Amino acid sequence: MPYPLERFRGIFPAALTMFDRDNNLDEKATAAHWEWLIGQGVDGLVIAGTSGEFIALENHERLRLFHLAKEVVKGRVPLIFGTGHYSTKLTIEMSQAAGELGADAIIVILPYYQKPYKSAVIRHFRDVRAAVDLPVMLYNNPANSACADLTPREVVQLVDEDVLHMVKSTYESVVPVHDLSYLGGGRMAIFYGSFQAAFEALTAGAHGWISGILNIAPKAAKQMYAACAANDAARGFRIWKRILPLVHLYTHKLIGEVSDLATYRSILNMWGLSGGYSRNPFYPLDTKQEEVLRRLLEDSGWLDPDRALEGMEEPMLERSAG
């Protein structure tokens, strides 16, 4: 294994990129949000990932974000830069630039939209690795890339070839995490990449969690991770139950047909932070949706995030007597 991977453990938000009302990149608001995440105790940041809206960024804007991240973070936590592109050539160019701009690792999405064959996908990653001297994280996300994903055995084979070193497993199921942990868990870093079964993933062998929802639940997620790492599954499960109301806002469409990123931004605004804007067509919540969101946060105890975990030392259900 050419790189020490011990730093790549824990809670790594797929950090939001902030835009202004006119869809322009807002570096000041972006930097402030990243600083807040670090203050919440996260273990690392993923810059220009899916929740960072890499797909809406010009290449030069991604490079601006990489430069900004280096300036803001100053080595306090590891930085994983999203460098993936459909084109192998552009992925390599972006990955090389990421290394020059301070990346600790890169995360590379499956080649998207055009659906290259599996053999071409594997060659794509081999070519990227041959051109960079950085740990490479596979972003195994077939639902969003419309591309053939890599099976756990294929991932481990590429780990053994020194092509891949980490994986973000973005599925509803935790079965890939089980299999990756069994087949190669000691030779790679495994991150769960969705937000529907993070507790199960952390107890099934994942070394950490990468997700957009960590933009609003970093402290709770860090406590859940710590509990799971300490083999205190009961406490981890209690914390997960507190995080679930935030998950359900999107997965159960409790606010209607709105993006998860727009929801996170409104929540940050309600907390007195700057949530910024997404680039259209991810439009902000309307007034009625914000009213519904505020009520749901109040009902679930998340309107004040500093109090969301109060009472966590108490069991969820009273034990029956006798």
Protein backbone atom coordinates (compact mmCIF):
# COMPACT_ATOMS: atom_id res chain seq x y z
CA MET A 1 0.00 0.00 0.00
CA PRO A 2 1.77 3.18 -1.16
CA TYR A 3 -0.16 5.64 1.00
CA PRO A 4 -1.06 5.70 4.69
CA LEU A 5 -4.85 5.70 4.86
CA GLU A 6 -5.33 6.13 8.61
CA ARG A 7 -6.23 9.81 8.10
CA PHE A 8 -9.21 8.80 6.01
CA ARG A 9 -11.56 7.77 8.76
CA GLY A 10 -14.75 9.24 10.15
CA ILE A 11 -17.10 11.98 8.99
CA PHE A 12 -16.31 13.68 5.68
CA PRO A 13 -19.10 16.01 4.52
CA ALA A 14 -19.57 16.35 0.79
CA ALA A 15 -19.29 20.08 1.38
CA LEU A 16 -21.70 22.52 -0.18
CA THR A 17 -20.50 25.07 -2.70
CA MET A 18 -22.20 28.41 -2.10
CA PHE A 19 -23.58 30.51 -4.94
CA ASP A 20 -25.27 33.89 -4.75
CA ARG A 21 -28.79 34.77 -5.86
CA ASP A 22 -27.52 35.36 -9.41
CA ASN A 23 -25.86 31.91 -9.61
CA ASN A 24 -22.33 33.27 -9.22
CA LEU A 25 -19.77 31.44 -7.09
CA ASP A 26 -19.70 32.95 -3.59
CA GLU A 27 -16.27 32.19 -2.20
CA LYS A 28 -16.78 34.09 1.05
CA ALA A 29 -19.94 32.17 1.97
CA THR A 30 -18.34 28.91 0.86
CA ALA A 31 -15.30 29.48 3.05
CA ALA A 32 -17.52 30.38 6.02
CA HIS A 33 -19.48 27.14 5.66
CA TRP A 34 -16.36 25.02 5.45
CA GLU A 35 -15.01 26.76 8.54
CA TRP A 36 -18.25 25.98 10.38
CA LEU A 37 -18.00 22.31 9.42
CA ILE A 38 -14.46 22.11 10.75
CA GLY A 39 -15.64 23.79 13.95
CA GLN A 40 -18.28 21.07 14.29
CA GLY A 41 -15.51 18.47 14.48
CA VAL A 42 -15.62 16.79 11.07
CA ASP A 43 -12.70 14.54 10.15
CA GLY A 44 -12.24 15.77 6.60
CA LEU A 45 -13.93 17.54 3.68
CA VAL A 46 -14.85 16.47 0.18
CA ILE A 47 -14.66 19.50 -2.11
CA ALA A 48 -16.53 19.69 -5.43
CA GLY A 49 -18.35 16.43 -4.93
CA THR A 50 -21.99 15.85 -5.88
CA SER A 51 -23.30 18.05 -3.07
CA GLY A 52 -20.65 20.59 -4.03
CA GLU A 53 -22.39 20.68 -7.42
CA PHE A 54 -19.31 19.78 -9.47
CA ILE A 55 -21.61 19.06 -12.40
CA ALA A 56 -22.68 22.75 -12.42
CA LEU A 57 -19.13 24.12 -12.25
CA GLU A 58 -16.84 25.23 -15.02
CA ASN A 59 -13.41 23.59 -14.79
CA HIS A 60 -11.76 26.84 -13.74
CA GLU A 61 -14.33 27.20 -10.95
CA ARG A 62 -13.44 23.78 -9.58
CA LEU A 63 -9.82 24.86 -9.50
CA ARG A 64 -10.82 28.03 -7.64
CA LEU A 65 -12.58 25.88 -5.04
CA PHE A 66 -9.51 23.66 -4.64
CA HIS A 67 -7.33 26.72 -4.09
CA LEU A 68 -9.85 28.18 -1.64
CA ALA A 69 -10.04 24.94 0.33
CA LYS A 70 -6.29 24.84 0.78
CA GLU A 71 -6.34 28.43 2.05
CA VAL A 72 -9.25 27.85 4.44
CA VAL A 73 -8.34 24.45 5.86
CA LYS A 74 -4.58 24.97 6.25
CA GLY A 75 -3.95 21.28 6.86
CA ARG A 76 -6.37 20.92 9.79
CA VAL A 77 -8.28 18.06 8.15
CA PRO A 78 -7.68 15.97 5.03
CA LEU A 79 -9.05 17.34 1.77
CA ILE A 80 -10.48 15.09 -0.93
CA PHE A 81 -11.01 16.93 -4.20
CA GLY A 82 -13.61 15.82 -6.73
CA THR A 83 -11.80 15.58 -10.05
CA GLY A 84 -13.98 13.19 -12.03
CA HIS A 85 -15.20 13.96 -15.52
CA TYR A 86 -16.66 11.82 -18.28
CA SER A 87 -13.47 12.35 -20.25
CA THR A 88 -10.35 10.53 -19.08
CA LYS A 89 -8.19 13.36 -20.42
CA LEU A 90 -10.02 16.03 -18.44
CA THR A 91 -10.13 13.83 -15.34
CA ILE A 92 -6.35 13.48 -15.50
CA GLU A 93 -5.83 17.21 -16.00
CA MET A 94 -8.13 18.05 -13.10
CA SER A 95 -6.50 15.41 -10.88
CA GLN A 96 -3.01 16.67 -11.59
CA ALA A 97 -4.11 20.22 -10.81
CA ALA A 98 -5.72 18.99 -7.58
CA GLY A 99 -2.38 17.57 -6.48
CA GLU A 100 -0.67 20.88 -7.16
CA LEU A 101 -3.38 22.71 -5.20
CA GLY A 102 -3.07 20.69 -2.02
CA ALA A 103 -5.35 17.67 -2.33
CA ASP A 104 -4.71 14.86 0.14
CA ALA A 105 -6.66 12.54 -2.14
CA ILE A 106 -8.99 12.67 -5.13
CA ILE A 107 -12.45 11.21 -5.57
CA VAL A 108 -13.29 10.16 -9.12
CA ILE A 109 -16.86 9.52 -10.21
CA LEU A 110 -17.66 6.77 -12.67
CA PRO A 111 -17.58 8.17 -16.22
CA TYR A 112 -21.09 9.52 -16.61
CA TYR A 113 -23.91 9.91 -19.11
CA GLN A 114 -22.38 8.07 -22.10
CA LYS A 115 -22.29 4.69 -20.30
CA PRO A 116 -18.91 3.25 -21.34
CA TYR A 117 -18.52 -0.51 -21.07
CA LYS A 118 -17.10 -2.04 -17.90
CA SER A 119 -13.71 -2.71 -19.48
CA ALA A 120 -13.47 0.95 -20.49
CA VAL A 121 -14.44 2.10 -16.98
CA ILE A 122 -11.64 0.00 -15.48
CA ARG A 123 -9.14 1.30 -18.03
CA HIS A 124 -10.27 4.87 -17.24
CA PHE A 125 -9.27 4.42 -13.59
CA ARG A 126 -6.00 2.73 -14.48
CA ASP A 127 -5.11 5.63 -16.76
CA VAL A 128 -5.99 8.22 -14.10
CA ARG A 129 -3.90 6.48 -11.47
CA ALA A 130 -0.93 6.18 -13.82
CA ALA A 131 -0.95 9.97 -14.22
CA VAL A 132 -1.22 11.06 -10.56
CA ASP A 133 0.62 10.47 -7.29
CA LEU A 134 -2.33 10.71 -4.91
CA PRO A 135 -4.67 8.28 -3.18
CA VAL A 136 -7.59 7.63 -5.51
CA MET A 137 -11.12 7.16 -4.19
CA LEU A 138 -13.60 5.47 -6.49
CA TYR A 139 -16.98 7.18 -6.39
CA ASN A 140 -19.12 4.11 -7.05
CA ASN A 141 -22.45 5.81 -7.76
CA PRO A 142 -24.26 4.05 -10.62
CA ALA A 143 -27.62 5.72 -9.95
CA ASN A 144 -26.29 9.22 -10.64
CA SER A 145 -23.70 8.35 -13.27
CA ALA A 146 -25.82 5.92 -15.33
CA CYS A 147 -22.64 3.91 -15.72
CA ALA A 148 -21.73 0.32 -15.01
CA ASP A 149 -20.56 0.18 -11.41
CA LEU A 150 -17.63 -1.84 -10.17
CA THR A 151 -18.38 -4.91 -8.08
CA PRO A 152 -16.63 -5.37 -4.73
CA ARG A 153 -14.31 -7.96 -6.27
CA GLU A 154 -13.43 -5.61 -9.13
CA VAL A 155 -12.78 -2.81 -6.66
CA VAL A 156 -10.48 -5.00 -4.56
CA GLN A 157 -8.65 -6.18 -7.68
CA LEU A 158 -7.91 -2.53 -8.53
CA VAL A 159 -6.82 -1.93 -4.95
CA ASP A 160 -4.37 -4.81 -5.25
CA GLU A 161 -3.09 -3.24 -8.49
CA ASP A 162 -2.49 0.08 -6.68
CA VAL A 163 -5.09 1.75 -8.93
CA LEU A 164 -7.62 2.48 -6.18
CA HIS A 165 -7.06 3.09 -2.49
CA MET A 166 -10.51 4.09 -1.22
CA VAL A 167 -14.13 3.78 -2.25
CA LYS A 168 -17.28 5.75 -1.65
CA SER A 169 -20.02 3.12 -1.87
CA THR A 170 -23.19 5.00 -2.80
CA TYR A 171 -26.05 2.56 -2.64
CA GLU A 172 -29.12 2.29 -0.44
CA SER A 173 -27.92 -1.19 0.50
CA VAL A 174 -24.97 -1.83 2.79
CA VAL A 175 -24.26 -5.19 1.13
CA PRO A 176 -21.33 -3.74 -0.88
CA VAL A 177 -19.82 -2.46 2.37
CA HIS A 178 -20.03 -5.94 3.91
CA ASP A 179 -18.36 -7.45 0.87
CA LEU A 180 -15.67 -4.76 0.55
CA SER A 181 -14.81 -5.10 4.22
CA TYR A 182 -14.55 -8.87 3.95
CA LEU A 183 -12.55 -8.88 0.72
CA GLY A 184 -10.22 -5.94 1.25
CA GLY A 185 -11.06 -3.97 4.36
CA GLY A 186 -7.49 -4.04 5.63
CA ARG A 187 -6.06 -2.73 2.38
CA MET A 188 -8.36 0.17 1.58
CA ALA A 189 -10.56 2.85 3.14
CA ILE A 190 -14.28 2.19 2.76
CA PHE A 191 -16.79 5.02 3.01
CA TYR A 192 -20.55 4.70 2.91
CA GLY A 193 -21.85 7.27 0.46
CA SER A 194 -25.62 7.46 0.80
CA PHE A 195 -27.70 8.72 3.71
CA GLN A 196 -30.25 5.97 4.17
CA ALA A 197 -28.29 3.33 6.09
CA ALA A 198 -25.22 5.03 7.52
CA PHE A 199 -25.54 3.42 10.95
CA GLU A 200 -25.69 -0.06 9.46
CA ALA A 201 -22.73 0.72 7.19
CA LEU A 202 -20.56 1.89 10.07
CA THR A 203 -21.31 -1.31 11.97
CA ALA A 204 -20.70 -3.40 8.84
CA GLY A 205 -17.12 -2.34 8.22
CA ALA A 206 -17.23 1.16 6.72
CA HIS A 207 -14.38 3.35 7.91
CA GLY A 208 -16.42 6.52 7.48
CA TRP A 209 -19.36 8.33 5.95
CA ILE A 210 -19.43 10.81 3.07
CA SER A 211 -22.74 12.51 2.36
CA GLY A 212 -24.40 15.83 1.62
CA ILE A 213 -26.57 15.53 4.71
CA LEU A 214 -23.42 15.95 6.80
CA ASN A 215 -23.61 19.64 5.90
CA ILE A 216 -26.39 19.89 8.49
CA ALA A 217 -25.68 16.98 10.86
CA PRO A 218 -21.89 16.94 11.27
CA LYS A 219 -21.77 16.90 15.06
CA ALA A 220 -24.43 14.21 15.46
CA ALA A 221 -22.81 12.10 12.78
CA LYS A 222 -19.42 12.42 14.46
CA GLN A 223 -20.91 11.19 17.73
CA MET A 224 -22.58 8.27 15.96
CA TYR A 225 -19.30 7.36 14.28
CA ALA A 226 -17.45 7.55 17.60
CA ALA A 227 -20.03 5.30 19.24
CA CYS A 228 -19.80 2.71 16.46
CA ALA A 229 -15.99 2.85 16.49
CA ALA A 230 -16.13 2.15 20.24
CA ASN A 231 -18.44 -0.84 19.66
CA ASP A 232 -21.30 0.96 21.39
CA ALA A 233 -23.91 0.10 18.79
CA ALA A 234 -26.79 0.90 21.14
CA ARG A 235 -25.70 4.52 21.53
CA GLY A 236 -24.91 4.77 17.83
CA PHE A 237 -28.40 3.57 17.00
CA ARG A 238 -29.98 6.12 19.33
CA ILE A 239 -28.07 8.92 17.61
CA TRP A 240 -29.03 7.56 14.20
CA LYS A 241 -32.69 7.74 15.22
CA ARG A 242 -32.14 11.45 15.94
CA ILE A 243 -30.58 11.96 12.50
CA LEU A 244 -33.37 10.14 10.67
CA PRO A 245 -35.85 13.06 10.74
CA LEU A 246 -33.37 15.03 8.63
CA VAL A 247 -32.98 12.08 6.26
CA HIS A 248 -36.74 11.71 5.88
CA LEU A 249 -37.16 15.33 4.80
CA TYR A 250 -35.84 14.23 1.41
CA THR A 251 -36.34 10.48 1.23
CA HIS A 252 -40.01 10.73 2.26
CA LYS A 253 -40.60 13.97 0.30
CA LEU A 254 -42.02 15.64 3.40
CA ILE A 255 -41.62 19.11 1.88
CA GLY A 256 -42.61 18.13 -1.65
CA GLU A 257 -40.54 17.94 -4.79
CA VAL A 258 -37.46 19.84 -3.67
CA SER A 259 -33.78 19.00 -3.89
CA ASP A 260 -31.89 17.83 -0.85
CA LEU A 261 -29.36 20.65 -1.35
CA ALA A 262 -32.04 23.34 -1.32
CA THR A 263 -33.36 21.82 1.90
CA TYR A 264 -29.94 21.89 3.56
CA ARG A 265 -29.51 25.52 2.55
CA SER A 266 -32.84 26.53 4.06
CA ILE A 267 -32.00 24.70 7.28
CA LEU A 268 -28.67 26.50 7.57
CA ASN A 269 -30.45 29.81 7.03
CA MET A 270 -32.97 28.97 9.76
CA TRP A 271 -30.06 28.31 12.10
CA GLY A 272 -28.69 31.78 11.48
CA LEU A 273 -25.94 30.54 9.16
CA SER A 274 -25.47 31.30 5.49
CA GLY A 275 -26.93 28.56 3.30
CA GLY A 276 -26.35 30.37 0.04
CA TYR A 277 -27.96 29.19 -3.17
CA SER A 278 -27.56 26.31 -5.58
CA ARG A 279 -27.16 26.83 -9.28
CA ASN A 280 -30.44 26.50 -11.15
CA PRO A 281 -32.26 24.25 -11.85
CA PHE A 282 -31.89 23.52 -8.14
CA TYR A 283 -34.21 26.31 -7.08
CA PRO A 284 -34.71 27.48 -3.47
CA LEU A 285 -37.67 26.44 -1.36
CA ASP A 286 -40.71 28.66 -1.68
CA THR A 287 -42.41 30.35 1.27
CA LYS A 288 -44.90 27.54 1.86
CA GLN A 289 -42.19 24.88 1.73
CA GLU A 290 -40.09 26.83 4.20
CA GLU A 291 -43.05 27.02 6.59
CA VAL A 292 -43.48 23.25 6.39
CA LEU A 293 -39.76 22.74 6.91
CA ARG A 294 -39.69 24.98 9.96
CA ARG A 295 -42.58 23.07 11.53
CA LEU A 296 -40.92 19.71 10.84
CA LEU A 297 -37.65 20.90 12.36
CA GLU A 298 -39.44 22.17 15.43
CA ASP A 299 -41.39 18.92 15.84
CA SER A 300 -38.23 16.80 15.52
CA GLY A 301 -36.07 18.93 17.81
CA TRP A 302 -33.82 20.21 15.03
CA LEU A 303 -34.83 23.85 14.97
CA ASP A 304 -32.03 24.40 17.49
CA PRO A 305 -29.19 22.11 16.39
CA ASP A 306 -27.28 22.63 19.64
CA ARG A 307 -30.09 20.87 21.49
CA ALA A 308 -30.88 18.14 18.96
CA LEU A 309 -28.99 15.46 20.89
CA GLU A 310 -30.22 16.35 24.37
CA GLY A 311 -31.13 13.31 26.42
CA MET A 312 -28.97 10.95 24.39
CA GLU A 313 -27.82 9.13 27.51
CA GLU A 314 -31.35 7.91 28.06
CA PRO A 315 -32.46 4.66 26.40
CA MET A 316 -34.97 5.02 23.60
CA LEU A 317 -37.48 2.74 25.30
CA GLU A 318 -37.99 2.16 28.98
CA ARG A 319 -37.11 -1.32 30.02
CA SER A 320 -40.07 -3.33 31.20
CA ALA A 321 -40.04 -4.18 34.83
CA GLY A 322 -39.49 -7.71 36.03
